[in-house]
Amino acid sequence: MKFSLTLLVLSFLATGSAWASNDRRECKAELRKLNEALSTNYTSQNHHGYRQAKASRDNLEYKKCASQARKARERVERKGDL
């Protein structure tokens, strides 16, 4: 009984770690895409979005980082289409 409980706890820890790793990769990829978009269309508002996303990454809030970076990049791309 103890063995199965221990195995269950370890599997939850491994799953949580894998999700965190995916979130970290997604955050990094979105920041890279945003940085590329900013190199062609830089405004202080876009820079503010980049700083917010980086601050979330520094605070280990990877899902929030990816979301903020994605939204900032979409704003940059929309303004470029206008």
PDB file of N, CA and C in Angstrom:
ATOM      1  N   MET A   1       0.815  -1.188   0.000  1.00  0.00           N
ATOM      2  CA  MET A   1       0.000   0.000   0.000  1.00  0.00           C
ATOM      3  C   MET A   1       0.862   1.256   0.000  1.00  0.00           C
ATOM      4  N   LYS A   2       1.907   1.267   0.839  1.00  0.00           N
ATOM      5  CA  LYS A   2       2.787   2.428   0.900  1.00  0.00           C
ATOM      6  C   LYS A   2       3.509   2.625  -0.437  1.00  0.00           C
ATOM      7  N   PHE A   3       3.900   1.507  -1.044  1.00  0.00           N
ATOM      8  CA  PHE A   3       4.613   1.587  -2.312  1.00  0.00           C
ATOM      9  C   PHE A   3       3.744   2.228  -3.395  1.00  0.00           C
ATOM     10  N   SER A   4       2.479   1.824  -3.477  1.00  0.00           N
ATOM     11  CA  SER A   4       1.601   2.382  -4.510  1.00  0.00           C
ATOM     12  C   SER A   4       1.318   3.860  -4.243  1.00  0.00           C
ATOM     13  N   LEU A   5       1.194   4.246  -2.989  1.00  0.00           N
ATOM     14  CA  LEU A   5       0.983   5.649  -2.645  1.00  0.00           C
ATOM     15  C   LEU A   5       2.208   6.482  -3.011  1.00  0.00           C
ATOM     16  N   THR A   6       3.385   5.961  -2.721  1.00  0.00           N
ATOM     17  CA  THR A   6       4.631   6.637  -3.067  1.00  0.00           C
ATOM     18  C   THR A   6       4.764   6.769  -4.582  1.00  0.00           C
ATOM     19  N   LEU A   7       4.429   5.712  -5.287  1.00  0.00           N
ATOM     20  CA  LEU A   7       4.486   5.740  -6.749  1.00  0.00           C
ATOM     21  C   LEU A   7       3.521   6.771  -7.311  1.00  0.00           C
ATOM     22  N   LEU A   8       2.356   6.880  -6.745  1.00  0.00           N
ATOM     23  CA  LEU A   8       1.363   7.853  -7.177  1.00  0.00           C
ATOM     24  C   LEU A   8       1.873   9.278  -6.963  1.00  0.00           C
ATOM     25  N   VAL A   9       2.432   9.546  -5.814  1.00  0.00           N
ATOM     26  CA  VAL A   9       2.970  10.882  -5.511  1.00  0.00           C
ATOM     27  C   VAL A   9       4.108  11.219  -6.461  1.00  0.00           C
ATOM     28  N   LEU A  10       4.993  10.290  -6.706  1.00  0.00           N
ATOM     29  CA  LEU A  10       6.110  10.526  -7.620  1.00  0.00           C
ATOM     30  C   LEU A  10       5.636  10.785  -9.047  1.00  0.00           C
ATOM     31  N   SER A  11       4.592  10.101  -9.459  1.00  0.00           N
ATOM     32  CA  SER A  11       4.077  10.324 -10.812  1.00  0.00           C
ATOM     33  C   SER A  11       3.469  11.718 -10.933  1.00  0.00           C
ATOM     34  N   PHE A  12       2.796  12.190  -9.885  1.00  0.00           N
ATOM     35  CA  PHE A  12       2.267  13.556  -9.907  1.00  0.00           C
ATOM     36  C   PHE A  12       3.391  14.584  -9.955  1.00  0.00           C
ATOM     37  N   LEU A  13       4.455  14.352  -9.228  1.00  0.00           N
ATOM     38  CA  LEU A  13       5.591  15.268  -9.252  1.00  0.00           C
ATOM     39  C   LEU A  13       6.242  15.308 -10.631  1.00  0.00           C
ATOM     40  N   ALA A  14       6.387  14.154 -11.248  1.00  0.00           N
ATOM     41  CA  ALA A  14       6.989  14.094 -12.586  1.00  0.00           C
ATOM     42  C   ALA A  14       6.111  14.807 -13.608  1.00  0.00           C
ATOM     43  N   THR A  15       4.811  14.624 -13.512  1.00  0.00           N
ATOM     44  CA  THR A  15       3.881  15.282 -14.436  1.00  0.00           C
ATOM     45  C   THR A  15       3.931  16.786 -14.261  1.00  0.00           C
ATOM     46  N   GLY A  16       3.956  17.261 -13.033  1.00  0.00           N
ATOM     47  CA  GLY A  16       4.039  18.694 -12.767  1.00  0.00           C
ATOM     48  C   GLY A  16       5.321  19.284 -13.305  1.00  0.00           C
ATOM     49  N   SER A  17       6.402  18.560 -13.169  1.00  0.00           N
ATOM     50  CA  SER A  17       7.682  19.027 -13.688  1.00  0.00           C
ATOM     51  C   SER A  17       7.668  19.116 -15.214  1.00  0.00           C
ATOM     52  N   ALA A  18       7.040  18.154 -15.868  1.00  0.00           N
ATOM     53  CA  ALA A  18       6.954  18.176 -17.333  1.00  0.00           C
ATOM     54  C   ALA A  18       6.120  19.355 -17.802  1.00  0.00           C
ATOM     55  N   TRP A  19       5.024  19.642 -17.117  1.00  0.00           N
ATOM     56  CA  TRP A  19       4.192  20.786 -17.488  1.00  0.00           C
ATOM     57  C   TRP A  19       4.964  22.088 -17.317  1.00  0.00           C
ATOM     58  N   ALA A  20       5.723  22.207 -16.243  1.00  0.00           N
ATOM     59  CA  ALA A  20       6.514  23.413 -16.009  1.00  0.00           C
ATOM     60  C   ALA A  20       7.568  23.578 -17.098  1.00  0.00           C
ATOM     61  N   SER A  21       8.149  22.495 -17.524  1.00  0.00           N
ATOM     62  CA  SER A  21       9.157  22.550 -18.581  1.00  0.00           C
ATOM     63  C   SER A  21       8.535  23.022 -19.893  1.00  0.00           C
ATOM     64  N   ASN A  22       7.339  22.520 -20.210  1.00  0.00           N
ATOM     65  CA  ASN A  22       6.652  22.959 -21.424  1.00  0.00           C
ATOM     66  C   ASN A  22       6.297  24.438 -21.344  1.00  0.00           C
ATOM     67  N   ASP A  23       5.836  24.884 -20.185  1.00  0.00           N
ATOM     68  CA  ASP A  23       5.504  26.298 -20.002  1.00  0.00           C
ATOM     69  C   ASP A  23       6.744  27.167 -20.175  1.00  0.00           C
ATOM     70  N   ARG A  24       7.857  26.709 -19.640  1.00  0.00           N
ATOM     71  CA  ARG A  24       9.115  27.454 -19.748  1.00  0.00           C
ATOM     72  C   ARG A  24       9.547  27.568 -21.211  1.00  0.00           C
ATOM     73  N   ARG A  25       9.432  26.474 -21.961  1.00  0.00           N
ATOM     74  CA  ARG A  25       9.789  26.497 -23.386  1.00  0.00           C
ATOM     75  C   ARG A  25       8.869  27.423 -24.172  1.00  0.00           C
ATOM     76  N   GLU A  26       7.580  27.360 -23.861  1.00  0.00           N
ATOM     77  CA  GLU A  26       6.614  28.210 -24.556  1.00  0.00           C
ATOM     78  C   GLU A  26       6.891  29.691 -24.267  1.00  0.00           C
ATOM     79  N   CYS A  27       7.206  30.008 -23.029  1.00  0.00           N
ATOM     80  CA  CYS A  27       7.538  31.381 -22.654  1.00  0.00           C
ATOM     81  C   CYS A  27       8.761  31.864 -23.438  1.00  0.00           C
ATOM     82  N   LYS A  28       9.777  31.036 -23.480  1.00  0.00           N
ATOM     83  CA  LYS A  28      11.014  31.392 -24.181  1.00  0.00           C
ATOM     84  C   LYS A  28      10.760  31.607 -25.674  1.00  0.00           C
ATOM     85  N   ALA A  29       9.960  30.746 -26.272  1.00  0.00           N
ATOM     86  CA  ALA A  29       9.651  30.861 -27.705  1.00  0.00           C
ATOM     87  C   ALA A  29       8.846  32.125 -27.989  1.00  0.00           C
ATOM     88  N   GLU A  30       7.865  32.430 -27.149  1.00  0.00           N
ATOM     89  CA  GLU A  30       7.043  33.622 -27.367  1.00  0.00           C
ATOM     90  C   GLU A  30       7.865  34.898 -27.183  1.00  0.00           C
ATOM     91  N   LEU A  31       8.775  34.899 -26.199  1.00  0.00           N
ATOM     92  CA  LEU A  31       9.640  36.069 -26.019  1.00  0.00           C
ATOM     93  C   LEU A  31      10.546  36.264 -27.230  1.00  0.00           C
ATOM     94  N   ARG A  32      11.040  35.162 -27.797  1.00  0.00           N
ATOM     95  CA  ARG A  32      11.899  35.265 -28.982  1.00  0.00           C
ATOM     96  C   ARG A  32      11.107  35.838 -30.167  1.00  0.00           C
ATOM     97  N   LYS A  33       9.869  35.356 -30.364  1.00  0.00           N
ATOM     98  CA  LYS A  33       9.032  35.858 -31.458  1.00  0.00           C
ATOM     99  C   LYS A  33       8.713  37.330 -31.258  1.00  0.00           C
ATOM    100  N   LEU A  34       8.427  37.722 -30.017  1.00  0.00           N
ATOM    101  CA  LEU A  34       8.124  39.121 -29.720  1.00  0.00           C
ATOM    102  C   LEU A  34       9.341  39.982 -29.978  1.00  0.00           C
ATOM    103  N   ASN A  35      10.492  39.531 -29.584  1.00  0.00           N
ATOM    104  CA  ASN A  35      11.722  40.289 -29.807  1.00  0.00           C
ATOM    105  C   ASN A  35      11.978  40.492 -31.297  1.00  0.00           C
ATOM    106  N   GLU A  36      11.717  39.458 -32.094  1.00  0.00           N
ATOM    107  CA  GLU A  36      11.873  39.585 -33.545  1.00  0.00           C
ATOM    108  C   GLU A  36      10.879  40.584 -34.114  1.00  0.00           C
ATOM    109  N   ALA A  37       9.648  40.565 -33.635  1.00  0.00           N
ATOM    110  CA  ALA A  37       8.630  41.506 -34.109  1.00  0.00           C
ATOM    111  C   ALA A  37       8.972  42.924 -33.683  1.00  0.00           C
ATOM    112  N   LEU A  38       9.532  43.087 -32.492  1.00  0.00           N
ATOM    113  CA  LEU A  38       9.888  44.419 -32.011  1.00  0.00           C
ATOM    114  C   LEU A  38      11.060  45.011 -32.789  1.00  0.00           C
ATOM    115  N   SER A  39      11.909  44.191 -33.324  1.00  0.00           N
ATOM    116  CA  SER A  39      13.059  44.721 -34.049  1.00  0.00           C
ATOM    117  C   SER A  39      12.622  45.479 -35.295  1.00  0.00           C
ATOM    118  N   THR A  40      11.430  45.192 -35.806  1.00  0.00           N
ATOM    119  CA  THR A  40      10.929  45.897 -36.985  1.00  0.00           C
ATOM    120  C   THR A  40       9.900  46.963 -36.636  1.00  0.00           C
ATOM    121  N   ASN A  41       9.291  46.892 -35.457  1.00  0.00           N
ATOM    122  CA  ASN A  41       8.224  47.818 -35.097  1.00  0.00           C
ATOM    123  C   ASN A  41       8.334  48.138 -33.616  1.00  0.00           C
ATOM    124  N   TYR A  42       9.189  49.087 -33.268  1.00  0.00           N
ATOM    125  CA  TYR A  42       9.452  49.389 -31.871  1.00  0.00           C
ATOM    126  C   TYR A  42       8.704  50.645 -31.444  1.00  0.00           C
ATOM    127  N   THR A  43       7.885  50.532 -30.405  1.00  0.00           N
ATOM    128  CA  THR A  43       7.276  51.689 -29.748  1.00  0.00           C
ATOM    129  C   THR A  43       7.386  51.464 -28.254  1.00  0.00           C
ATOM    130  N   SER A  44       7.191  52.510 -27.476  1.00  0.00           N
ATOM    131  CA  SER A  44       7.310  52.355 -26.026  1.00  0.00           C
ATOM    132  C   SER A  44       6.245  51.422 -25.484  1.00  0.00           C
ATOM    133  N   GLN A  45       5.038  51.408 -26.090  1.00  0.00           N
ATOM    134  CA  GLN A  45       3.986  50.501 -25.634  1.00  0.00           C
ATOM    135  C   GLN A  45       4.403  49.046 -25.856  1.00  0.00           C
ATOM    136  N   ASN A  46       4.991  48.757 -27.000  1.00  0.00           N
ATOM    137  CA  ASN A  46       5.444  47.391 -27.270  1.00  0.00           C
ATOM    138  C   ASN A  46       6.566  46.994 -26.308  1.00  0.00           C
ATOM    139  N   HIS A  47       7.447  47.942 -26.035  1.00  0.00           N
ATOM    140  CA  HIS A  47       8.547  47.666 -25.109  1.00  0.00           C
ATOM    141  C   HIS A  47       7.995  47.366 -23.713  1.00  0.00           C
ATOM    142  N   HIS A  48       6.926  48.066 -23.340  1.00  0.00           N
ATOM    143  CA  HIS A  48       6.298  47.824 -22.037  1.00  0.00           C
ATOM    144  C   HIS A  48       5.773  46.388 -21.950  1.00  0.00           C
ATOM    145  N   GLY A  49       5.150  45.904 -23.008  1.00  0.00           N
ATOM    146  CA  GLY A  49       4.657  44.528 -23.035  1.00  0.00           C
ATOM    147  C   GLY A  49       5.796  43.525 -22.914  1.00  0.00           C
ATOM    148  N   TYR A  50       6.914  43.821 -23.558  1.00  0.00           N
ATOM    149  CA  TYR A  50       8.088  42.947 -23.493  1.00  0.00           C
ATOM    150  C   TYR A  50       8.638  42.908 -22.068  1.00  0.00           C
ATOM    151  N   ARG A  51       8.710  44.074 -21.430  1.00  0.00           N
ATOM    152  CA  ARG A  51       9.218  44.129 -20.059  1.00  0.00           C
ATOM    153  C   ARG A  51       8.302  43.375 -19.098  1.00  0.00           C
ATOM    154  N   GLN A  52       6.991  43.490 -19.302  1.00  0.00           N
ATOM    155  CA  GLN A  52       6.051  42.755 -18.444  1.00  0.00           C
ATOM    156  C   GLN A  52       6.243  41.248 -18.592  1.00  0.00           C
ATOM    157  N   ALA A  53       6.381  40.792 -19.825  1.00  0.00           N
ATOM    158  CA  ALA A  53       6.565  39.358 -20.062  1.00  0.00           C
ATOM    159  C   ALA A  53       7.869  38.869 -19.443  1.00  0.00           C
ATOM    160  N   LYS A  54       8.937  39.659 -19.577  1.00  0.00           N
ATOM    161  CA  LYS A  54      10.212  39.263 -18.982  1.00  0.00           C
ATOM    162  C   LYS A  54      10.139  39.254 -17.463  1.00  0.00           C
ATOM    163  N   ALA A  55       9.401  40.195 -16.885  1.00  0.00           N
ATOM    164  CA  ALA A  55       9.250  40.216 -15.429  1.00  0.00           C
ATOM    165  C   ALA A  55       8.510  38.963 -14.956  1.00  0.00           C
ATOM    166  N   SER A  56       7.497  38.553 -15.702  1.00  0.00           N
ATOM    167  CA  SER A  56       6.783  37.323 -15.345  1.00  0.00           C
ATOM    168  C   SER A  56       7.710  36.123 -15.433  1.00  0.00           C
ATOM    169  N   ARG A  57       8.559  36.107 -16.456  1.00  0.00           N
ATOM    170  CA  ARG A  57       9.516  35.003 -16.591  1.00  0.00           C
ATOM    171  C   ARG A  57      10.489  34.995 -15.412  1.00  0.00           C
ATOM    172  N   ASP A  58      10.954  36.170 -15.022  1.00  0.00           N
ATOM    173  CA  ASP A  58      11.890  36.254 -13.903  1.00  0.00           C
ATOM    174  C   ASP A  58      11.244  35.811 -12.591  1.00  0.00           C
ATOM    175  N   ASN A  59       9.924  35.968 -12.494  1.00  0.00           N
ATOM    176  CA  ASN A  59       9.191  35.534 -11.303  1.00  0.00           C
ATOM    177  C   ASN A  59       8.718  34.087 -11.410  1.00  0.00           C
ATOM    178  N   LEU A  60       9.188  33.382 -12.425  1.00  0.00           N
ATOM    179  CA  LEU A  60       8.873  31.976 -12.666  1.00  0.00           C
ATOM    180  C   LEU A  60       7.396  31.741 -12.955  1.00  0.00           C
ATOM    181  N   GLU A  61       6.743  32.735 -13.515  1.00  0.00           N
ATOM    182  CA  GLU A  61       5.339  32.613 -13.926  1.00  0.00           C
ATOM    183  C   GLU A  61       5.316  32.404 -15.437  1.00  0.00           C
ATOM    184  N   TYR A  62       5.650  31.200 -15.866  1.00  0.00           N
ATOM    185  CA  TYR A  62       5.884  30.935 -17.278  1.00  0.00           C
ATOM    186  C   TYR A  62       4.621  31.006 -18.133  1.00  0.00           C
ATOM    187  N   LYS A  63       3.490  30.549 -17.615  1.00  0.00           N
ATOM    188  CA  LYS A  63       2.251  30.636 -18.383  1.00  0.00           C
ATOM    189  C   LYS A  63       1.873  32.093 -18.606  1.00  0.00           C
ATOM    190  N   LYS A  64       2.009  32.900 -17.580  1.00  0.00           N
ATOM    191  CA  LYS A  64       1.698  34.326 -17.674  1.00  0.00           C
ATOM    192  C   LYS A  64       2.667  35.001 -18.646  1.00  0.00           C
ATOM    193  N   CYS A  65       3.925  34.622 -18.588  1.00  0.00           N
ATOM    194  CA  CYS A  65       4.938  35.172 -19.490  1.00  0.00           C
ATOM    195  C   CYS A  65       4.572  34.894 -20.940  1.00  0.00           C
ATOM    196  N   ALA A  66       4.232  33.650 -21.239  1.00  0.00           N
ATOM    197  CA  ALA A  66       3.891  33.274 -22.612  1.00  0.00           C
ATOM    198  C   ALA A  66       2.656  34.030 -23.090  1.00  0.00           C
ATOM    199  N   SER A  67       1.667  34.161 -22.224  1.00  0.00           N
ATOM    200  CA  SER A  67       0.441  34.866 -22.586  1.00  0.00           C
ATOM    201  C   SER A  67       0.712  36.347 -22.859  1.00  0.00           C
ATOM    202  N   GLN A  68       1.474  36.986 -21.990  1.00  0.00           N
ATOM    203  CA  GLN A  68       1.787  38.403 -22.173  1.00  0.00           C
ATOM    204  C   GLN A  68       2.614  38.629 -23.429  1.00  0.00           C
ATOM    205  N   ALA A  69       3.592  37.780 -23.672  1.00  0.00           N
ATOM    206  CA  ALA A  69       4.434  37.924 -24.859  1.00  0.00           C
ATOM    207  C   ALA A  69       3.614  37.720 -26.128  1.00  0.00           C
ATOM    208  N   ARG A  70       2.715  36.737 -26.116  1.00  0.00           N
ATOM    209  CA  ARG A  70       1.871  36.476 -27.280  1.00  0.00           C
ATOM    210  C   ARG A  70       0.961  37.673 -27.567  1.00  0.00           C
ATOM    211  N   LYS A  71       0.355  38.222 -26.529  1.00  0.00           N
ATOM    212  CA  LYS A  71      -0.535  39.368 -26.706  1.00  0.00           C
ATOM    213  C   LYS A  71       0.234  40.587 -27.217  1.00  0.00           C
ATOM    214  N   ALA A  72       1.410  40.832 -26.676  1.00  0.00           N
ATOM    215  CA  ALA A  72       2.214  41.967 -27.124  1.00  0.00           C
ATOM    216  C   ALA A  72       2.636  41.790 -28.582  1.00  0.00           C
ATOM    217  N   ARG A  73       3.019  40.558 -28.949  1.00  0.00           N
ATOM    218  CA  ARG A  73       3.410  40.302 -30.342  1.00  0.00           C
ATOM    219  C   ARG A  73       2.231  40.497 -31.283  1.00  0.00           C
ATOM    220  N   GLU A  74       1.051  40.043 -30.882  1.00  0.00           N
ATOM    221  CA  GLU A  74      -0.134  40.224 -31.723  1.00  0.00           C
ATOM    222  C   GLU A  74      -0.469  41.696 -31.895  1.00  0.00           C
ATOM    223  N   ARG A  75      -0.264  42.505 -30.846  1.00  0.00           N
ATOM    224  CA  ARG A  75      -0.467  43.950 -30.966  1.00  0.00           C
ATOM    225  C   ARG A  75       0.496  44.547 -31.980  1.00  0.00           C
ATOM    226  N   VAL A  76       1.757  44.115 -31.922  1.00  0.00           N
ATOM    227  CA  VAL A  76       2.764  44.611 -32.863  1.00  0.00           C
ATOM    228  C   VAL A  76       2.376  44.241 -34.288  1.00  0.00           C
ATOM    229  N   GLU A  77       1.960  43.011 -34.477  1.00  0.00           N
ATOM    230  CA  GLU A  77       1.584  42.556 -35.830  1.00  0.00           C
ATOM    231  C   GLU A  77       0.348  43.264 -36.337  1.00  0.00           C
ATOM    232  N   ARG A  78      -0.626  43.522 -35.461  1.00  0.00           N
ATOM    233  CA  ARG A  78      -1.830  44.250 -35.888  1.00  0.00           C
ATOM    234  C   ARG A  78      -1.489  45.676 -36.308  1.00  0.00           C
ATOM    235  N   LYS A  79      -0.632  46.330 -35.543  1.00  0.00           N
ATOM    236  CA  LYS A  79      -0.257  47.715 -35.877  1.00  0.00           C
ATOM    237  C   LYS A  79       0.537  47.744 -37.184  1.00  0.00           C
ATOM    238  N   GLY A  80       1.257  46.684 -37.469  1.00  0.00           N
ATOM    239  CA  GLY A  80       2.009  46.630 -38.718  1.00  0.00           C
ATOM    240  C   GLY A  80       1.097  46.473 -39.920  1.00  0.00           C
ATOM    241  N   ASP A  81      -0.063  45.867 -39.736  1.00  0.00           N
ATOM    242  CA  ASP A  81      -1.012  45.663 -40.839  1.00  0.00           C
ATOM    243  C   ASP A  81      -1.820  46.905 -41.149  1.00  0.00           C
ATOM    244  N   LEU A  82      -1.873  47.855 -40.218  1.00  0.00           N
ATOM    245  CA  LEU A  82      -2.698  49.048 -40.419  1.00  0.00           C
ATOM    246  C   LEU A  82      -2.128  49.988 -41.431  1.00  0.00           C
TER     247      LEU A  82
END
